[in-house]
Amino acid sequence: MASETQIHHEPNRKKFWSLKDFEIGKPLGKGKFGRVYLAREAKSKYVVALKIIFKEQIEKHGMHHQLKREMEIQTNLRHQNVLRLYGWFHDEERIFLILEYAHGGELYGELRKSGHFSEKQAATYILSLAQALAYCHEKHVIHRDIKPENLLIDHRGRLKIADFGWSVQSSSKRHTMCGTLDYLAPEMVENKAHDHAVDKWTLGILCYEFLYGVPPFEAETQRDTFKRIVKVDLCYPPIPHVSAEAKDLISRLLVKDSSKRLSLQNITEHPWIIKNADPSGICEN
C-alpha cells in the first residue's frame, strides 16, 4: 500500500493519492532512475503520465536533494508551455510523480524524423519557449537544461518544457556546471558564475538546431566542442531554407558576453518571430 502524500489541485480535488487511485496503462519511456507509464485516475478518468522513480537509485546517485528541488519547482509552475506536475506520492521503494500527459511525445524524435523544422515551426517553438522561460525567470527559476529531449508536444501540437532536473530557484549567480554538452553556455564551460542568461544562450542553440538539424558547436570530442563554444565558433551552412532574419536572431543569442544576449521580450518581438511564429503556439505538422 502506497503511503499518502499531499497533492495540489488536479486531476481532481482529492488531496491525497496512492497507487490504487490509478489504472496503469502502457509504458511511455524509460529513464535513468525509473519508468514512465500512461495512467488514468480511476474516478475522474483523467489521463496522466505516471513517472515511477526508484528510491534506491536516487540514494545511490545522491540525487535526493535535486529531485526534491525539481518537484517543488515544477509543482508551482502554471504556464501553457510548462508540463504540469500535479503531485506525487510514494511507497517503501518508489516515488510516483503525477504528470500532465503529452500525447505527441519528445520533440527530439520529431526533429530526428524530419531532419529539420520549417522556419514557421521553428519560430513557433522558439516563441513558446521564450514565453515559458520569461514566466520561469519572473519566478527566479533558471532551467539550465533546455534541449529537444526535455521538450514534449501535447495532442494539439503545443510545446511543453518537461524536465526540471537541473533547474534552480535563485535570484543570485550560480556556480554549478550542469546541463548537456552541446547546449552549455560559455560561462558554464569556463566554470564562471552564471544566471538566467544561460537559458537565452540555449534558445540560440535550439533555434540553430531546429533549422539545421544539428547543434552549432558539435565536434568530434568534448574538448573540441568546449573550444568551439568558448570561441563562439559559429558558422552557417549554405542552406536556402534558412533566412537571414533567422541567422540574425541566432547571432543575437549566441553572444559570449551574457549581458548582451537578446532579452526574452526582444526575442518575441524579433522580425523573424513576428513573420513566422503562430502566436497560438500550436504547430500542425
Protein backbone atom coordinates (compact mmCIF):
# COMPACT_ATOMS: atom_id res chain seq x y z
CA MET A 1 0.00 0.00 0.00
CA ALA A 2 1.43 3.37 -1.01
CA SER A 3 1.74 5.94 1.72
CA GLU A 4 -0.31 9.08 1.17
CA THR A 5 1.24 12.44 0.41
CA GLN A 6 -0.48 15.75 -0.25
CA ILE A 7 -1.13 16.75 -3.87
CA HIS A 8 -2.21 20.14 -5.12
CA HIS A 9 -5.30 20.56 -7.33
CA GLU A 10 -5.72 18.46 -10.50
CA PRO A 11 -6.56 15.92 -11.85
CA ASN A 12 -9.46 16.25 -9.39
CA ARG A 13 -10.00 17.80 -5.98
CA LYS A 14 -8.63 14.87 -3.98
CA LYS A 15 -5.76 15.93 -1.70
CA PHE A 16 -4.10 12.58 -1.08
CA TRP A 17 -3.14 9.88 -3.54
CA SER A 18 -2.00 6.29 -3.64
CA LEU A 19 -1.35 3.77 -6.40
CA LYS A 20 -4.84 2.28 -6.02
CA ASP A 21 -6.26 5.58 -7.37
CA PHE A 22 -4.79 4.91 -10.83
CA GLU A 23 -5.31 2.49 -13.70
CA ILE A 24 -1.87 1.87 -15.20
CA GLY A 25 -1.50 1.60 -18.98
CA LYS A 26 1.33 1.19 -21.46
CA PRO A 27 4.94 2.26 -20.79
CA LEU A 28 5.83 5.64 -22.32
CA GLY A 29 9.55 5.72 -21.67
CA LYS A 30 12.48 4.65 -19.54
CA GLY A 31 14.85 6.93 -17.67
CA LYS A 32 17.96 6.61 -15.53
CA PHE A 33 16.02 6.24 -12.29
CA GLY A 34 12.77 4.59 -13.37
CA ARG A 35 9.97 4.43 -15.93
CA VAL A 36 7.03 6.48 -17.17
CA TYR A 37 3.59 4.94 -17.77
CA LEU A 38 0.35 6.14 -19.26
CA ALA A 39 -2.21 6.13 -16.46
CA ARG A 40 -5.75 7.18 -15.71
CA GLU A 41 -7.12 8.50 -12.45
CA ALA A 42 -9.81 5.92 -11.66
CA LYS A 43 -12.62 8.25 -10.52
CA SER A 44 -12.31 11.18 -12.94
CA LYS A 45 -10.86 9.12 -15.85
CA TYR A 46 -8.31 11.96 -16.19
CA VAL A 47 -5.34 10.73 -18.27
CA VAL A 48 -1.87 11.43 -16.87
CA ALA A 49 1.70 10.21 -17.18
CA LEU A 50 2.89 8.41 -14.06
CA LYS A 51 6.64 8.63 -13.55
CA ILE A 52 7.94 5.93 -11.22
CA ILE A 53 11.33 6.60 -9.60
CA PHE A 54 13.17 4.01 -7.52
CA LYS A 55 14.37 5.34 -4.16
CA GLU A 56 17.36 3.00 -4.22
CA GLN A 57 18.63 4.66 -7.43
CA ILE A 58 18.07 8.16 -6.05
CA GLU A 59 20.05 7.33 -2.91
CA LYS A 60 22.78 5.53 -4.87
CA HIS A 61 23.44 8.61 -7.02
CA GLY A 62 22.91 11.16 -4.24
CA MET A 63 20.02 12.80 -6.12
CA HIS A 64 17.56 13.18 -3.23
CA HIS A 65 18.02 16.94 -2.82
CA GLN A 66 17.94 17.55 -6.58
CA LEU A 67 14.72 15.54 -7.03
CA LYS A 68 13.05 17.33 -4.11
CA ARG A 69 14.00 20.71 -5.61
CA GLU A 70 12.75 19.66 -9.06
CA MET A 71 9.39 18.56 -7.64
CA GLU A 72 8.93 21.73 -5.59
CA ILE A 73 9.75 23.98 -8.56
CA GLN A 74 7.63 22.19 -11.16
CA THR A 75 4.57 21.81 -8.90
CA ASN A 76 4.35 25.58 -8.54
CA LEU A 77 4.65 26.47 -12.23
CA ARG A 78 1.47 27.23 -14.20
CA HIS A 79 2.11 28.02 -17.86
CA GLN A 80 0.68 26.54 -21.05
CA ASN A 81 4.20 25.67 -22.25
CA VAL A 82 5.35 24.06 -18.99
CA LEU A 83 4.39 20.45 -18.30
CA ARG A 84 2.28 20.27 -15.14
CA LEU A 85 3.36 18.23 -12.17
CA TYR A 86 0.04 17.63 -10.41
CA GLY A 87 1.53 15.97 -7.34
CA TRP A 88 3.27 12.90 -6.02
CA PHE A 89 3.08 10.03 -3.55
CA HIS A 90 5.39 7.20 -2.50
CA ASP A 91 5.68 3.73 -1.05
CA GLU A 92 8.64 1.96 0.55
CA GLU A 93 10.59 1.53 -2.70
CA ARG A 94 9.24 4.07 -5.18
CA ILE A 95 8.28 7.71 -5.71
CA PHE A 96 5.37 8.37 -8.10
CA LEU A 97 5.11 11.69 -9.95
CA ILE A 98 1.69 12.52 -11.44
CA LEU A 99 2.44 14.45 -14.64
CA GLU A 100 0.47 16.03 -17.45
CA TYR A 101 0.34 13.62 -20.40
CA ALA A 102 1.88 14.97 -23.64
CA HIS A 103 0.42 12.85 -26.44
CA GLY A 104 2.98 13.91 -29.07
CA GLY A 105 6.00 12.67 -27.14
CA GLU A 106 9.52 14.11 -27.28
CA LEU A 107 10.37 16.92 -29.66
CA TYR A 108 13.70 15.13 -30.15
CA GLY A 109 12.00 12.27 -32.00
CA GLU A 110 10.11 14.66 -34.24
CA LEU A 111 13.29 16.56 -35.10
CA ARG A 112 15.24 13.39 -35.88
CA LYS A 113 12.41 12.10 -38.06
CA SER A 114 12.09 15.27 -40.14
CA GLY A 115 15.81 16.21 -40.13
CA HIS A 116 15.00 19.87 -39.53
CA PHE A 117 11.95 22.09 -38.99
CA SER A 118 10.47 24.72 -41.28
CA GLU A 119 11.01 28.34 -40.29
CA LYS A 120 7.35 28.60 -39.23
CA GLN A 121 7.58 25.54 -36.99
CA ALA A 122 10.96 26.56 -35.53
CA ALA A 123 9.78 30.12 -34.86
CA THR A 124 6.60 28.90 -33.16
CA TYR A 125 8.59 26.64 -30.85
CA ILE A 126 11.12 29.40 -30.05
CA LEU A 127 8.31 31.86 -29.29
CA SER A 128 6.67 29.31 -26.96
CA LEU A 129 9.99 28.68 -25.21
CA ALA A 130 10.76 32.38 -24.84
CA GLN A 131 7.34 33.00 -23.25
CA ALA A 132 7.67 29.99 -20.92
CA LEU A 133 11.20 30.96 -19.86
CA ALA A 134 10.13 34.58 -19.27
CA TYR A 135 7.47 33.21 -16.91
CA CYS A 136 10.03 30.98 -15.15
CA HIS A 137 12.58 33.80 -14.85
CA GLU A 138 9.94 36.06 -13.28
CA LYS A 139 9.67 33.39 -10.59
CA HIS A 140 13.51 33.28 -10.35
CA VAL A 141 13.61 29.79 -11.88
CA ILE A 142 16.56 29.10 -14.20
CA HIS A 143 16.02 25.92 -16.20
CA ARG A 144 19.66 25.23 -17.24
CA ASP A 145 18.95 22.18 -19.41
CA ILE A 146 16.64 23.09 -22.29
CA LYS A 147 17.18 20.56 -25.12
CA PRO A 148 14.93 18.61 -27.54
CA GLU A 149 14.85 15.56 -25.21
CA ASN A 150 13.37 17.72 -22.44
CA LEU A 151 10.64 19.21 -24.61
CA LEU A 152 7.35 17.42 -25.21
CA ILE A 153 4.46 18.04 -27.60
CA ASP A 154 0.83 17.79 -26.50
CA HIS A 155 -2.12 16.49 -28.54
CA ARG A 156 -2.64 19.92 -30.15
CA GLY A 157 0.97 20.39 -31.20
CA ARG A 158 1.89 22.75 -28.36
CA LEU A 159 5.38 22.58 -26.86
CA LYS A 160 5.88 21.77 -23.17
CA ILE A 161 9.07 22.11 -21.10
CA ALA A 162 9.13 18.78 -19.29
CA ASP A 163 12.26 18.17 -17.24
CA PHE A 164 13.32 20.47 -14.40
CA GLY A 165 16.05 18.18 -13.07
CA TRP A 166 18.79 20.82 -13.35
CA SER A 167 16.57 23.81 -12.61
CA VAL A 168 17.20 26.08 -9.67
CA GLN A 169 15.23 28.85 -7.98
CA SER A 170 17.63 31.69 -7.32
CA SER A 171 18.00 35.42 -7.90
CA SER A 172 21.79 35.29 -7.43
CA LYS A 173 24.57 33.94 -9.63
CA ARG A 174 25.19 30.19 -9.60
CA HIS A 175 28.40 28.18 -9.94
CA THR A 176 27.33 24.57 -10.58
CA MET A 177 28.28 23.30 -14.03
CA CYS A 178 25.26 21.38 -15.26
CA GLY A 179 23.24 20.65 -18.35
CA THR A 180 24.14 18.88 -21.59
CA LEU A 181 27.41 19.29 -23.52
CA ASP A 182 26.20 20.80 -26.83
CA TYR A 183 23.90 23.25 -25.04
CA LEU A 184 26.28 24.62 -22.38
CA ALA A 185 26.84 28.38 -22.34
CA PRO A 186 30.46 29.69 -22.42
CA GLU A 187 30.28 30.87 -18.80
CA MET A 188 29.45 27.31 -17.72
CA VAL A 189 32.23 25.78 -19.84
CA GLU A 190 34.71 28.23 -18.28
CA ASN A 191 33.36 27.49 -14.76
CA LYS A 192 32.30 31.08 -14.22
CA ALA A 193 29.23 32.22 -12.31
CA HIS A 194 26.04 32.12 -14.36
CA ASP A 195 22.47 33.37 -14.18
CA HIS A 196 19.23 33.20 -16.19
CA ALA A 197 21.13 34.29 -19.35
CA VAL A 198 22.23 30.64 -19.82
CA ASP A 199 18.65 29.87 -20.87
CA LYS A 200 18.81 32.58 -23.55
CA TRP A 201 22.03 31.03 -24.92
CA THR A 202 20.26 27.68 -25.11
CA LEU A 203 17.42 29.23 -27.12
CA GLY A 204 20.02 30.27 -29.71
CA ILE A 205 21.41 26.72 -29.79
CA LEU A 206 17.91 25.28 -30.22
CA CYS A 207 16.94 27.76 -32.93
CA TYR A 208 20.02 26.71 -34.90
CA GLU A 209 19.36 23.00 -34.30
CA PHE A 210 15.69 23.30 -35.29
CA LEU A 211 16.69 24.84 -38.63
CA TYR A 212 19.89 22.92 -39.45
CA GLY A 213 19.24 19.60 -37.70
CA VAL A 214 22.42 19.65 -35.57
CA PRO A 215 23.68 21.86 -32.70
CA PRO A 216 26.04 24.63 -33.90
CA PHE A 217 29.16 23.71 -31.90
CA GLU A 218 29.06 19.94 -32.31
CA ALA A 219 32.55 18.42 -32.68
CA GLU A 220 34.23 15.02 -32.55
CA THR A 221 35.44 15.34 -28.96
CA GLN A 222 34.17 17.05 -25.81
CA ARG A 223 37.30 19.18 -25.72
CA ASP A 224 36.77 20.41 -29.29
CA THR A 225 33.12 21.18 -28.55
CA PHE A 226 34.16 23.20 -25.48
CA LYS A 227 36.70 25.12 -27.59
CA ARG A 228 34.08 25.98 -30.21
CA ILE A 229 31.60 27.13 -27.53
CA VAL A 230 34.13 29.39 -25.80
CA LYS A 231 35.22 30.94 -29.13
CA VAL A 232 31.56 31.11 -30.29
CA ASP A 233 32.83 29.41 -33.45
CA LEU A 234 29.55 29.88 -35.29
CA CYS A 235 29.11 29.15 -38.98
CA TYR A 236 26.00 28.82 -41.12
CA PRO A 237 25.91 26.10 -43.80
CA PRO A 238 24.63 27.43 -47.16
CA ILE A 239 21.12 26.01 -46.84
CA PRO A 240 18.47 28.01 -48.73
CA HIS A 241 15.59 27.31 -46.33
CA VAL A 242 17.24 29.35 -43.53
CA SER A 243 16.63 33.09 -43.88
CA ALA A 244 18.91 35.99 -42.97
CA GLU A 245 16.39 37.01 -40.26
CA ALA A 246 16.70 33.59 -38.59
CA LYS A 247 20.51 33.84 -38.60
CA ASP A 248 20.23 37.34 -37.12
CA LEU A 249 18.20 36.04 -34.17
CA ILE A 250 20.63 33.16 -33.57
CA SER A 251 23.62 35.53 -33.70
CA ARG A 252 22.00 37.86 -31.16
CA LEU A 253 21.54 34.98 -28.71
CA LEU A 254 24.86 33.17 -29.16
CA VAL A 255 26.88 36.02 -27.69
CA LYS A 256 29.73 35.25 -25.28
CA ASP A 257 29.00 38.25 -23.04
CA SER A 258 25.85 37.02 -21.29
CA SER A 259 24.69 40.57 -20.53
CA LYS A 260 24.49 41.33 -24.26
CA ARG A 261 22.26 38.43 -25.27
CA LEU A 262 18.89 39.42 -26.64
CA SER A 263 16.23 39.65 -23.93
CA LEU A 264 13.35 37.18 -23.93
CA GLN A 265 10.96 40.07 -24.58
CA ASN A 266 13.01 41.15 -27.60
CA ILE A 267 13.02 37.56 -28.89
CA THR A 268 9.21 37.60 -29.01
CA GLU A 269 9.36 40.93 -30.90
CA HIS A 270 12.11 39.92 -33.35
CA PRO A 271 11.10 40.33 -37.05
CA TRP A 272 11.74 36.62 -37.78
CA ILE A 273 9.44 35.57 -34.93
CA ILE A 274 6.71 38.04 -35.92
CA LYS A 275 6.89 36.92 -39.55
CA ASN A 276 6.91 33.14 -38.92
CA ALA A 277 5.59 32.16 -35.48
CA ASP A 278 1.99 31.16 -34.80
CA PRO A 279 1.00 33.20 -31.71
CA SER A 280 -1.27 30.34 -30.57
CA GLY A 281 1.85 28.20 -30.11
CA ILE A 282 0.24 25.32 -31.98
CA CYS A 283 2.28 23.57 -34.67
CA GLU A 284 0.41 21.45 -37.19
CA ASN A 285 2.85 19.05 -38.83
